[in-house]
Amino acid sequence: MLSLASGYGNFAVPKVALAAADEALRQAREHGQPLSVSPAAGLPELREALAQRYRQRGATSVTAEQVLVTAGAKTGLFAVLSEILRPNDDVLLPTPNWFGFYDLVRRASGTLRPLPLSAADNYAFTPEMLRAALTPATRLLILSNPGNPTGRVYSQNEWAALLAVAAEFPNLWVLSDEIYEGISFGPEPVPTLLAQPGPHERHVVVSGFSKSLALAGWGVGCLVAPPELARAVAARLFSTGVAVPVTAQQAALAATQHANAIGAALCAQLQPTRQLLLAGLAALPGASAVVAPEGTYYVFADFTRFLAPGLPLPEASAQLVRRLAAAGVEVVDGATCGAPGFLRLSYAVAEEDLRRALAIIEATVRA
C-alpha cells in the first residue's frame, strides 16, 4: 500500500537534534545517574528559546512565562481547550480544517460550528464573513495557518482585518494552529497570530516540532498563551500527565535554535515532489488550473468530478477513497475535513512512491 495520507513527512531527524539528545544520554550513562526530570511546563532554556523565536517573528512582548512545552501538539490543544471552554460553548471553525479539531472540541465540552470556505476563491476568509458568523455566545475562533488540509496561508493583512472584527467581541478567544509555519513556499514568512495586537489578551498559539522541524515521533509540542491562562494550563499538565522527557526537549531546543535552516532544508527537499504532484493532478481528466498551496506538504485536490452520481456527497467521497485504497493508494477523505469530494494528498514521500501512486490514481479515476 502506498500512503499519501500520513500527516508526517519522510524527513531525516536533524543532526543537531540527534546530537543534543545523544549528549543528554551520554551524561546519564557516564555518570550512572537517572535522567533529570523537567518541570511540567518544560525546560526553562527551551521555553526561553521558543519565546525568543516568536519575538524574532514580530511577537515582541512574548516571554518564556507564556510558553509551555507539551507532549505533542494534541496534548497542548486539549489542555488549552479544556481551560477555555465551558459546557456547550460555541467554537467557530473555518473549514476545510484538520479533522482532529472535531473530537478535541467535543471532549473539551464545546460545540463546534463549521464555517465553510470555498475553494473557488482559494478559501478567502473575509472580515464580513467572520462578523456574520460570530455571535455573543461564540467563545472561540480556531484558525490554522498554514491551513491543514488546504495549505492556505493567511497574510499579515488578512490577520489584521479578521482580528479587527474579533476585537469587537471582548469574550472571544482566538486560537491559531501554526504547526506547519516552517513549511512555506510563499514570498513572505508565515505570520504568527502573536505578532498581532490582542487588546483583550485572548490570543493563543499552538504548535509543535513534528512537521516544520522534522521531529516526528519525539512527542514535543508547545503553546503560547496569556500569562494567567498559561499558568492554568501548566497546572493542568502537572496534574494530569508527566513532563516531556529531557532528551526530547534537548532535541527540540537544538531544532529551535536552528529552525530557519531546518525549515529551508525541508522545503528544498519537498520541491521536486511538490512539482510532481501538482503536474500529476493537472494531467488528470477534466483538470482545471490547480492552485499551488502556499504552505504545508499537502495538496487538497478537487475530485468531485470523479464521484459516483446519485449518491450523497459524503457517501460518494468515501466510496472513491475506498476505490483508491483497493487499488493500492491511501488518501485522506476531504469529508473528514468538511469538504467531501476533495482529497488530501501528501507529497512528503519518496519520489518513486509518488510516481507510482499518481499512476494508480489516474488509472482508477479513468476506469
Protein backbone atom coordinates (compact mmCIF):
# COMPACT_ATOMS: atom_id res chain seq x y z
CA MET A 1 0.00 0.00 0.00
CA LEU A 2 1.28 3.45 -0.96
CA SER A 3 0.26 6.13 1.52
CA LEU A 4 -0.31 9.76 0.65
CA ALA A 5 -2.41 10.05 3.80
CA SER A 6 0.18 10.36 6.53
CA GLY A 7 0.48 13.63 8.40
CA TYR A 8 4.19 13.02 8.92
CA GLY A 9 6.90 13.64 6.37
CA ASN A 10 9.73 11.39 5.24
CA PHE A 11 12.31 13.67 6.82
CA ALA A 12 15.59 12.65 8.43
CA VAL A 13 15.93 13.79 12.03
CA PRO A 14 18.11 16.91 12.06
CA LYS A 15 21.68 16.10 13.07
CA VAL A 16 21.77 18.91 15.62
CA ALA A 17 18.71 17.41 17.36
CA LEU A 18 20.19 13.92 17.43
CA ALA A 19 23.46 15.27 18.83
CA ALA A 20 21.65 17.14 21.60
CA ALA A 21 19.66 14.05 22.62
CA ASP A 22 22.82 11.91 22.50
CA GLU A 23 24.57 14.34 24.81
CA ALA A 24 21.78 14.12 27.39
CA LEU A 25 22.01 10.32 27.29
CA ARG A 26 25.81 10.38 27.45
CA GLN A 27 25.72 12.44 30.62
CA ALA A 28 23.38 9.93 32.25
CA ARG A 29 25.39 6.94 31.02
CA GLU A 30 28.82 8.24 32.06
CA HIS A 31 27.74 9.45 35.49
CA GLY A 32 25.47 6.50 36.23
CA GLN A 33 22.62 8.78 37.20
CA PRO A 34 18.96 8.92 36.19
CA LEU A 35 17.85 11.40 33.58
CA SER A 36 16.81 14.70 35.07
CA VAL A 37 13.08 15.41 35.17
CA SER A 38 11.78 18.56 33.56
CA PRO A 39 9.28 20.91 35.19
CA ALA A 40 5.75 20.27 33.92
CA ALA A 41 5.86 23.47 31.84
CA GLY A 42 9.09 22.46 30.12
CA LEU A 43 12.80 23.17 30.41
CA PRO A 44 13.39 26.88 31.09
CA GLU A 45 16.01 27.08 28.33
CA LEU A 46 13.61 25.61 25.74
CA ARG A 47 10.80 27.93 26.82
CA GLU A 48 13.13 30.91 26.50
CA ALA A 49 14.40 29.78 23.09
CA LEU A 50 10.82 29.45 21.83
CA ALA A 51 9.90 32.87 23.24
CA GLN A 52 12.95 34.36 21.52
CA ARG A 53 11.94 32.77 18.22
CA TYR A 54 8.45 34.31 18.46
CA ARG A 55 10.00 37.67 19.29
CA GLN A 56 12.13 37.37 16.16
CA ARG A 57 8.93 36.74 14.19
CA GLY A 58 7.43 40.01 15.41
CA ALA A 59 5.77 38.98 18.68
CA THR A 60 7.96 41.36 20.65
CA SER A 61 6.20 41.02 24.00
CA VAL A 62 6.21 37.21 24.32
CA THR A 63 8.04 35.93 27.40
CA ALA A 64 9.14 32.46 28.45
CA GLU A 65 6.46 32.55 31.16
CA GLN A 66 3.83 32.34 28.41
CA VAL A 67 5.39 29.33 26.67
CA LEU A 68 4.61 25.74 27.66
CA VAL A 69 6.20 22.56 26.32
CA THR A 70 3.66 19.78 25.85
CA ALA A 71 3.67 16.09 24.97
CA GLY A 72 2.82 16.79 21.34
CA ALA A 73 0.56 19.47 19.92
CA LYS A 74 -2.64 17.49 20.60
CA THR A 75 -1.92 17.45 24.33
CA GLY A 76 -1.43 21.20 24.26
CA LEU A 77 -4.59 21.73 22.26
CA PHE A 78 -6.72 19.62 24.55
CA ALA A 79 -5.29 21.23 27.68
CA VAL A 80 -5.90 24.77 26.47
CA LEU A 81 -9.36 23.94 25.09
CA SER A 82 -10.27 22.37 28.42
CA GLU A 83 -9.29 25.56 30.23
CA ILE A 84 -11.01 27.96 27.83
CA LEU A 85 -14.27 26.14 27.08
CA ARG A 86 -17.33 25.73 29.27
CA PRO A 87 -20.01 23.11 28.56
CA ASN A 88 -21.59 23.68 25.13
CA ASP A 89 -19.54 26.80 24.37
CA ASP A 90 -19.74 27.78 20.71
CA VAL A 91 -16.50 27.19 18.78
CA LEU A 92 -16.23 28.63 15.27
CA LEU A 93 -14.02 26.64 12.88
CA PRO A 94 -13.49 27.76 9.27
CA THR A 95 -13.49 24.65 7.13
CA PRO A 96 -11.98 22.68 5.45
CA ASN A 97 -9.82 22.16 8.51
CA TRP A 98 -7.93 19.45 10.36
CA PHE A 99 -10.29 16.63 11.29
CA GLY A 100 -8.81 16.34 14.81
CA PHE A 101 -10.44 19.57 15.98
CA TYR A 102 -13.90 18.00 15.92
CA ASP A 103 -13.17 15.40 18.59
CA LEU A 104 -10.88 17.64 20.65
CA VAL A 105 -13.58 20.31 20.96
CA ARG A 106 -16.22 17.70 21.81
CA ARG A 107 -14.04 16.15 24.52
CA ALA A 108 -13.38 19.62 25.97
CA SER A 109 -17.19 20.10 26.25
CA GLY A 110 -17.51 22.61 23.43
CA THR A 111 -19.85 22.65 20.44
CA LEU A 112 -18.04 23.02 17.13
CA ARG A 113 -19.70 25.12 14.44
CA PRO A 114 -18.14 24.86 10.95
CA LEU A 115 -17.87 27.96 8.77
CA PRO A 116 -17.45 26.64 5.20
CA LEU A 117 -14.92 28.42 2.99
CA SER A 118 -14.72 27.92 -0.77
CA ALA A 119 -12.01 26.51 -2.99
CA ALA A 120 -13.35 28.77 -5.76
CA ASP A 121 -11.77 31.85 -4.15
CA ASN A 122 -8.84 29.99 -2.58
CA TYR A 123 -10.51 29.78 0.81
CA ALA A 124 -10.79 33.51 1.33
CA PHE A 125 -11.88 34.39 4.87
CA THR A 126 -13.10 37.95 4.96
CA PRO A 127 -13.98 40.22 7.87
CA GLU A 128 -17.56 40.30 6.59
CA MET A 129 -17.79 36.51 6.75
CA LEU A 130 -16.40 36.49 10.27
CA ARG A 131 -18.73 39.24 11.51
CA ALA A 132 -21.75 37.41 10.10
CA ALA A 133 -20.70 34.16 11.79
CA LEU A 134 -19.84 35.48 15.25
CA THR A 135 -22.42 35.80 17.99
CA PRO A 136 -22.11 36.96 21.60
CA ALA A 137 -22.19 33.25 22.52
CA THR A 138 -19.11 32.38 20.44
CA ARG A 139 -16.31 31.57 22.86
CA LEU A 140 -13.51 30.59 20.49
CA LEU A 141 -12.37 31.07 16.89
CA ILE A 142 -9.87 28.48 15.61
CA LEU A 143 -7.78 29.14 12.53
CA SER A 144 -4.94 27.03 11.10
CA ASN A 145 -2.14 28.96 9.45
CA PRO A 146 -0.91 27.44 7.19
CA GLY A 147 -4.16 25.57 6.79
CA ASN A 148 -4.38 21.80 7.02
CA PRO A 149 -5.58 20.37 4.61
CA THR A 150 -5.72 23.32 2.19
CA GLY A 151 -2.20 24.73 2.54
CA ARG A 152 -3.72 28.23 2.54
CA VAL A 153 -1.59 30.87 4.26
CA TYR A 154 -3.37 33.90 5.71
CA SER A 155 -1.24 37.02 5.37
CA GLN A 156 -0.43 39.68 7.92
CA ASN A 157 -3.06 41.97 6.35
CA GLU A 158 -5.71 39.22 6.36
CA TRP A 159 -4.99 38.51 10.03
CA ALA A 160 -5.24 42.19 10.90
CA ALA A 161 -8.62 42.56 9.16
CA LEU A 162 -10.06 39.48 10.87
CA LEU A 163 -8.77 40.47 14.29
CA ALA A 164 -10.27 43.93 13.97
CA VAL A 165 -13.64 42.18 13.89
CA ALA A 166 -12.69 39.76 16.69
CA ALA A 167 -11.77 42.73 18.89
CA GLU A 168 -15.42 43.78 18.86
CA PHE A 169 -16.18 40.64 20.92
CA PRO A 170 -14.29 41.01 24.23
CA ASN A 171 -15.16 37.49 25.42
CA LEU A 172 -13.88 35.81 22.26
CA TRP A 173 -10.67 33.77 22.30
CA VAL A 174 -8.68 33.28 19.09
CA LEU A 175 -6.51 30.18 18.68
CA SER A 176 -4.06 29.76 15.82
CA ASP A 177 -2.66 26.32 14.96
CA GLU A 178 0.75 27.13 13.45
CA ILE A 179 2.41 23.72 13.41
CA TYR A 180 3.26 23.98 9.68
CA GLU A 181 4.67 27.52 9.83
CA GLY A 182 8.11 26.46 8.61
CA ILE A 183 6.78 24.63 5.52
CA SER A 184 6.05 27.59 3.30
CA PHE A 185 6.70 28.34 -0.37
CA GLY A 186 5.36 31.88 -0.45
CA PRO A 187 7.29 35.11 -0.84
CA GLU A 188 6.90 36.04 2.84
CA PRO A 189 7.32 34.04 6.06
CA VAL A 190 4.09 32.76 7.59
CA PRO A 191 2.86 35.38 10.07
CA THR A 192 2.11 34.42 13.64
CA LEU A 193 -1.02 35.46 15.47
CA LEU A 194 1.17 36.54 18.38
CA ALA A 195 2.58 39.42 16.32
CA GLN A 196 -0.92 40.93 16.03
CA PRO A 197 -2.38 43.27 18.66
CA GLY A 198 -4.58 41.49 21.19
CA PRO A 199 -6.47 44.16 23.10
CA HIS A 200 -8.32 41.62 25.24
CA GLU A 201 -5.29 39.32 25.79
CA ARG A 202 -7.13 36.33 24.37
CA HIS A 203 -4.75 35.10 21.67
CA VAL A 204 -3.30 31.57 21.84
CA VAL A 205 -0.89 29.76 19.52
CA VAL A 206 -0.40 26.00 19.48
CA SER A 207 2.46 24.44 17.57
CA GLY A 208 4.87 21.52 17.60
CA PHE A 209 8.06 20.04 16.24
CA SER A 210 6.87 17.10 14.15
CA LYS A 211 6.10 18.97 10.92
CA SER A 212 8.27 22.04 10.39
CA LEU A 213 11.26 20.78 12.40
CA ALA A 214 11.34 17.09 11.40
CA LEU A 215 10.91 15.70 14.91
CA ALA A 216 8.04 13.32 14.19
CA GLY A 217 7.91 10.64 16.85
CA TRP A 218 9.65 12.71 19.52
CA GLY A 219 6.39 13.83 21.11
CA VAL A 220 7.11 17.51 21.62
CA GLY A 221 4.62 20.33 21.18
CA CYS A 222 4.29 23.83 22.52
CA LEU A 223 1.76 26.55 23.16
CA VAL A 224 1.89 30.24 23.90
CA ALA A 225 -0.88 31.87 25.92
CA PRO A 226 -1.53 34.95 28.06
CA PRO A 227 0.19 34.53 31.46
CA GLU A 228 -2.91 33.68 33.50
CA LEU A 229 -4.07 31.04 31.03
CA ALA A 230 -0.54 29.67 30.69
CA ARG A 231 -0.36 29.16 34.46
CA ALA A 232 -3.73 27.38 34.47
CA VAL A 233 -2.69 25.08 31.61
CA ALA A 234 0.65 24.36 33.32
CA ALA A 235 -1.23 23.33 36.47
CA ARG A 236 -3.47 21.07 34.42
CA LEU A 237 -0.47 19.45 32.73
CA PHE A 238 1.17 18.89 36.11
CA SER A 239 -1.97 17.25 37.49
CA THR A 240 -2.80 15.05 34.51
CA GLY A 241 0.47 13.87 32.99
CA VAL A 242 4.23 13.94 33.04
CA ALA A 243 6.69 16.37 31.54
CA VAL A 244 8.16 15.72 28.11
CA PRO A 245 11.38 13.68 28.58
CA VAL A 246 14.51 15.79 28.78
CA THR A 247 16.16 14.01 25.84
CA ALA A 248 13.29 15.01 23.57
CA GLN A 249 13.31 18.56 24.91
CA GLN A 250 17.04 18.88 24.30
CA ALA A 251 16.48 17.76 20.72
CA ALA A 252 13.66 20.31 20.42
CA LEU A 253 15.91 23.04 21.84
CA ALA A 254 18.59 22.34 19.22
CA ALA A 255 15.95 22.29 16.47
CA THR A 256 14.52 25.60 17.69
CA GLN A 257 17.96 27.20 17.63
CA HIS A 258 18.41 26.04 14.01
CA ALA A 259 14.76 26.39 12.92
CA ASN A 260 15.34 28.58 9.87
CA ALA A 261 17.98 26.30 8.42
CA ILE A 262 15.94 23.16 9.09
CA GLY A 263 12.82 24.67 7.53
CA ALA A 264 14.73 25.79 4.45
CA ALA A 265 16.22 22.32 4.02
CA LEU A 266 12.82 20.65 4.31
CA CYS A 267 11.28 22.99 1.74
CA ALA A 268 14.17 22.31 -0.64
CA GLN A 269 13.69 18.56 -0.16
CA LEU A 270 9.97 18.91 -0.89
CA GLN A 271 10.26 20.97 -4.08
CA PRO A 272 10.64 18.05 -6.55
CA THR A 273 7.70 16.05 -5.17
CA ARG A 274 5.63 19.21 -4.85
CA GLN A 275 6.04 19.89 -8.55
CA LEU A 276 5.48 16.23 -9.40
CA LEU A 277 2.18 16.08 -7.53
CA LEU A 278 0.90 19.35 -9.00
CA ALA A 279 1.81 18.19 -12.50
CA GLY A 280 0.19 14.80 -11.94
CA LEU A 281 -3.07 16.38 -10.79
CA ALA A 282 -3.06 18.79 -13.72
CA ALA A 283 -2.81 15.79 -16.09
CA LEU A 284 -5.95 14.08 -14.78
CA PRO A 285 -9.08 14.15 -16.94
CA GLY A 286 -11.06 17.37 -16.69
CA ALA A 287 -8.49 19.08 -14.52
CA SER A 288 -8.83 22.81 -14.11
CA ALA A 289 -5.96 25.04 -13.07
CA VAL A 290 -4.58 23.77 -9.77
CA VAL A 291 -3.83 26.49 -7.22
CA ALA A 292 -0.48 25.60 -5.70
CA PRO A 293 -0.87 25.67 -1.90
CA GLU A 294 1.49 28.11 -0.25
CA GLY A 295 2.12 26.07 2.90
CA THR A 296 2.23 22.53 4.33
CA TYR A 297 3.20 19.47 2.27
CA TYR A 298 -0.32 18.66 1.09
CA VAL A 299 -2.41 19.40 -1.94
CA PHE A 300 -6.15 19.44 -1.27
CA ALA A 301 -7.40 18.37 -4.66
CA ASP A 302 -10.90 18.55 -6.11
CA PHE A 303 -12.04 15.07 -7.20
CA THR A 304 -15.77 15.82 -7.23
CA ARG A 305 -15.91 15.17 -10.98
CA PHE A 306 -14.95 11.55 -10.32
CA LEU A 307 -17.68 10.83 -7.75
CA ALA A 308 -20.40 8.30 -8.45
CA PRO A 309 -23.63 10.11 -9.40
CA GLY A 310 -26.79 9.64 -7.38
CA LEU A 311 -25.10 9.26 -4.01
CA PRO A 312 -24.96 11.81 -1.20
CA LEU A 313 -21.65 13.67 -1.37
CA PRO A 314 -20.11 12.17 1.81
CA GLU A 315 -21.01 8.64 0.74
CA ALA A 316 -19.68 9.16 -2.80
CA SER A 317 -16.49 10.66 -1.41
CA ALA A 318 -15.95 7.70 0.91
CA GLN A 319 -16.59 5.33 -2.00
CA LEU A 320 -13.87 6.99 -4.09
CA VAL A 321 -11.41 6.76 -1.21
CA ARG A 322 -12.21 3.04 -0.84
CA ARG A 323 -11.66 2.50 -4.58
CA LEU A 324 -8.25 4.14 -4.38
CA ALA A 325 -7.33 2.08 -1.31
CA ALA A 326 -8.38 -1.11 -3.08
CA ALA A 327 -6.09 -0.11 -5.96
CA GLY A 328 -3.20 0.46 -3.55
CA VAL A 329 -3.17 4.17 -2.56
CA GLU A 330 -4.25 5.63 0.77
CA VAL A 331 -5.51 9.23 0.82
CA VAL A 332 -7.39 11.41 3.30
CA ASP A 333 -11.09 11.81 2.52
CA GLY A 334 -11.91 15.51 2.39
CA ALA A 335 -15.26 14.74 4.01
CA THR A 336 -13.39 14.30 7.32
CA CYS A 337 -12.18 17.90 6.93
CA GLY A 338 -15.55 19.31 5.90
CA ALA A 339 -15.14 19.04 2.10
CA PRO A 340 -16.47 15.79 0.61
CA GLY A 341 -15.18 15.07 -2.87
CA PHE A 342 -11.78 16.58 -2.14
CA LEU A 343 -8.72 14.51 -1.26
CA ARG A 344 -5.76 15.48 0.89
CA LEU A 345 -2.61 14.17 -0.78
CA SER A 346 0.82 14.40 0.85
CA TYR A 347 3.92 14.96 -1.23
CA ALA A 348 6.28 14.43 1.72
CA VAL A 349 7.02 10.97 0.35
CA ALA A 350 9.70 9.34 -1.76
CA GLU A 351 9.59 10.50 -5.39
CA GLU A 352 9.30 6.97 -6.77
CA ASP A 353 6.40 6.18 -4.42
CA LEU A 354 4.63 9.35 -5.52
CA ARG A 355 5.06 8.48 -9.20
CA ARG A 356 3.56 5.04 -8.61
CA ALA A 357 0.72 6.49 -6.56
CA LEU A 358 -0.13 9.04 -9.25
CA ALA A 359 -0.23 6.31 -11.89
CA ILE A 360 -2.65 4.30 -9.76
CA ILE A 361 -4.83 7.36 -9.09
CA GLU A 362 -5.04 8.16 -12.80
CA ALA A 363 -5.87 4.56 -13.75
CA THR A 364 -8.53 4.39 -11.04
CA VAL A 365 -10.37 7.60 -11.96
CA ARG A 366 -10.24 6.74 -15.67
CA ALA A 367 -11.72 3.27 -15.08
